[in-house]
Amino acid sequence: MQQGIDPNTGLTVTGGKQAACRLAKAITTQIGSREKRRNVGGEYRKLMGLANEQNRMKSINRIHRIIANPANDLSDIVNPIVDIRIHGTGFRTQIHYTYDGQKEVLEL
């Protein structure tokens, strides 16, 4: 079982909570921004503040690419369903997925 550290509280997390932390970190990290792990992250952040229907579809695609990227180490997150809605000038993002047989939801 993997363990992690919640970036908001500093507490140790396991199970679905640590999977959600890893997924959120991968989504919010711009690819190429990590010094020693350049392939970690994705291109999702480039679309922030550019809310329209075309960018909503691009966002869904980019999150699926982030989950599929082996450098992000998210292969244990299966059956992701990405729901992105335009909210003001940005997006409200929900990702429904299965981790270790349990259904989970991440909201960004």
Protein backbone atom coordinates (compact mmCIF):
# COMPACT_ATOMS: atom_id res chain seq x y z
CA MET A 1 0.00 0.00 0.00
CA GLN A 2 1.36 3.40 -0.98
CA GLN A 3 1.61 6.24 1.48
CA GLY A 4 1.94 9.92 0.81
CA ILE A 5 1.86 13.31 2.47
CA ASP A 6 -1.14 15.60 2.11
CA PRO A 7 0.27 18.93 0.81
CA ASN A 8 -2.40 20.92 2.69
CA THR A 9 -2.10 19.35 6.14
CA GLY A 10 1.30 17.64 6.13
CA LEU A 11 -0.29 14.45 7.46
CA THR A 12 0.37 10.96 6.13
CA VAL A 13 -2.35 9.70 3.80
CA THR A 14 -3.06 6.26 2.36
CA GLY A 15 -5.60 4.65 0.08
CA GLY A 16 -7.88 6.79 -2.03
CA LYS A 17 -6.75 10.02 -0.38
CA GLN A 18 -3.11 9.55 -1.43
CA ALA A 19 -4.22 8.62 -4.95
CA ALA A 20 -6.23 11.87 -5.08
CA CYS A 21 -3.18 13.84 -3.86
CA ARG A 22 -0.96 12.26 -6.55
CA LEU A 23 -3.54 12.93 -9.25
CA ALA A 24 -4.07 16.55 -8.17
CA LYS A 25 -0.31 17.16 -8.07
CA ALA A 26 0.16 15.70 -11.56
CA ILE A 27 -2.69 17.80 -12.97
CA THR A 28 -1.51 21.06 -11.40
CA THR A 29 2.17 20.57 -12.32
CA GLN A 30 3.22 22.04 -15.65
CA ILE A 31 5.23 19.51 -17.66
CA GLY A 32 8.91 20.43 -17.76
CA SER A 33 8.77 22.46 -14.54
CA ARG A 34 10.31 19.81 -12.25
CA GLU A 35 14.09 20.02 -12.29
CA LYS A 36 15.00 16.32 -12.19
CA ARG A 37 11.74 14.81 -13.48
CA ARG A 38 10.93 16.89 -16.57
CA ASN A 39 8.26 14.48 -17.88
CA VAL A 40 6.08 14.74 -14.75
CA GLY A 41 2.88 16.76 -15.04
CA GLY A 42 0.94 17.91 -18.05
CA GLU A 43 -0.34 20.81 -20.14
CA TYR A 44 -3.62 21.38 -18.24
CA ARG A 45 -2.52 24.61 -16.51
CA LYS A 46 -2.06 26.42 -19.83
CA LEU A 47 -5.85 26.46 -20.24
CA MET A 48 -6.67 28.07 -16.89
CA GLY A 49 -8.63 31.31 -17.25
CA LEU A 50 -9.47 30.54 -20.89
CA ALA A 51 -12.93 29.07 -20.40
CA ASN A 52 -14.79 28.24 -23.60
CA GLU A 53 -16.22 25.07 -25.09
CA GLN A 54 -13.14 24.27 -27.20
CA ASN A 55 -10.78 24.61 -24.22
CA ARG A 56 -13.15 22.53 -22.08
CA MET A 57 -12.73 19.66 -24.54
CA LYS A 58 -8.95 20.21 -24.63
CA SER A 59 -8.90 20.10 -20.82
CA ILE A 60 -10.63 16.73 -20.75
CA ASN A 61 -8.12 15.40 -23.28
CA ARG A 62 -5.14 16.79 -21.36
CA ILE A 63 -6.25 15.23 -18.08
CA HIS A 64 -6.57 11.83 -19.77
CA ARG A 65 -3.05 12.31 -21.17
CA ILE A 66 -1.75 13.15 -17.67
CA ILE A 67 -3.28 9.96 -16.27
CA ALA A 68 -1.81 7.90 -19.15
CA ASN A 69 1.69 9.44 -18.84
CA PRO A 70 3.92 6.78 -17.18
CA ALA A 71 6.15 9.46 -15.62
CA ASN A 72 3.22 10.56 -13.42
CA ASP A 73 2.95 7.05 -11.87
CA LEU A 74 -0.86 6.99 -12.00
CA SER A 75 -1.34 3.54 -13.57
CA ASP A 76 -3.21 2.34 -10.46
CA ILE A 77 -6.00 4.87 -11.14
CA VAL A 78 -8.41 3.14 -13.50
CA ASN A 79 -11.60 3.99 -15.40
CA PRO A 80 -11.26 7.77 -15.13
CA ILE A 81 -14.31 9.82 -16.11
CA VAL A 82 -13.46 13.50 -16.43
CA ASP A 83 -16.30 16.01 -16.00
CA ILE A 84 -15.32 19.62 -16.69
CA ARG A 85 -17.79 22.48 -16.57
CA ILE A 86 -17.24 26.12 -17.37
CA HIS A 87 -17.50 28.20 -14.19
CA GLY A 88 -16.94 31.95 -14.59
CA THR A 89 -13.62 32.40 -16.36
CA GLY A 90 -12.30 28.98 -15.39
CA PHE A 91 -13.29 25.35 -15.09
CA ARG A 92 -14.84 23.24 -12.35
CA THR A 93 -13.23 19.83 -12.65
CA GLN A 94 -14.42 16.49 -11.28
CA ILE A 95 -12.61 13.24 -11.95
CA HIS A 96 -14.43 10.01 -11.09
CA TYR A 97 -12.07 7.02 -10.94
CA THR A 98 -11.51 3.66 -9.32
CA TYR A 99 -8.56 3.09 -7.01
CA ASP A 100 -7.97 -0.29 -5.35
CA GLY A 101 -11.54 -1.36 -6.12
CA GLN A 102 -13.08 1.76 -4.53
CA LYS A 103 -14.82 4.50 -6.48
CA GLU A 104 -13.36 7.93 -5.73
CA VAL A 105 -13.97 11.53 -6.85
CA LEU A 106 -11.42 14.34 -7.09
CA GLU A 107 -12.67 17.92 -7.35
CA LEU A 108 -10.38 20.71 -8.47
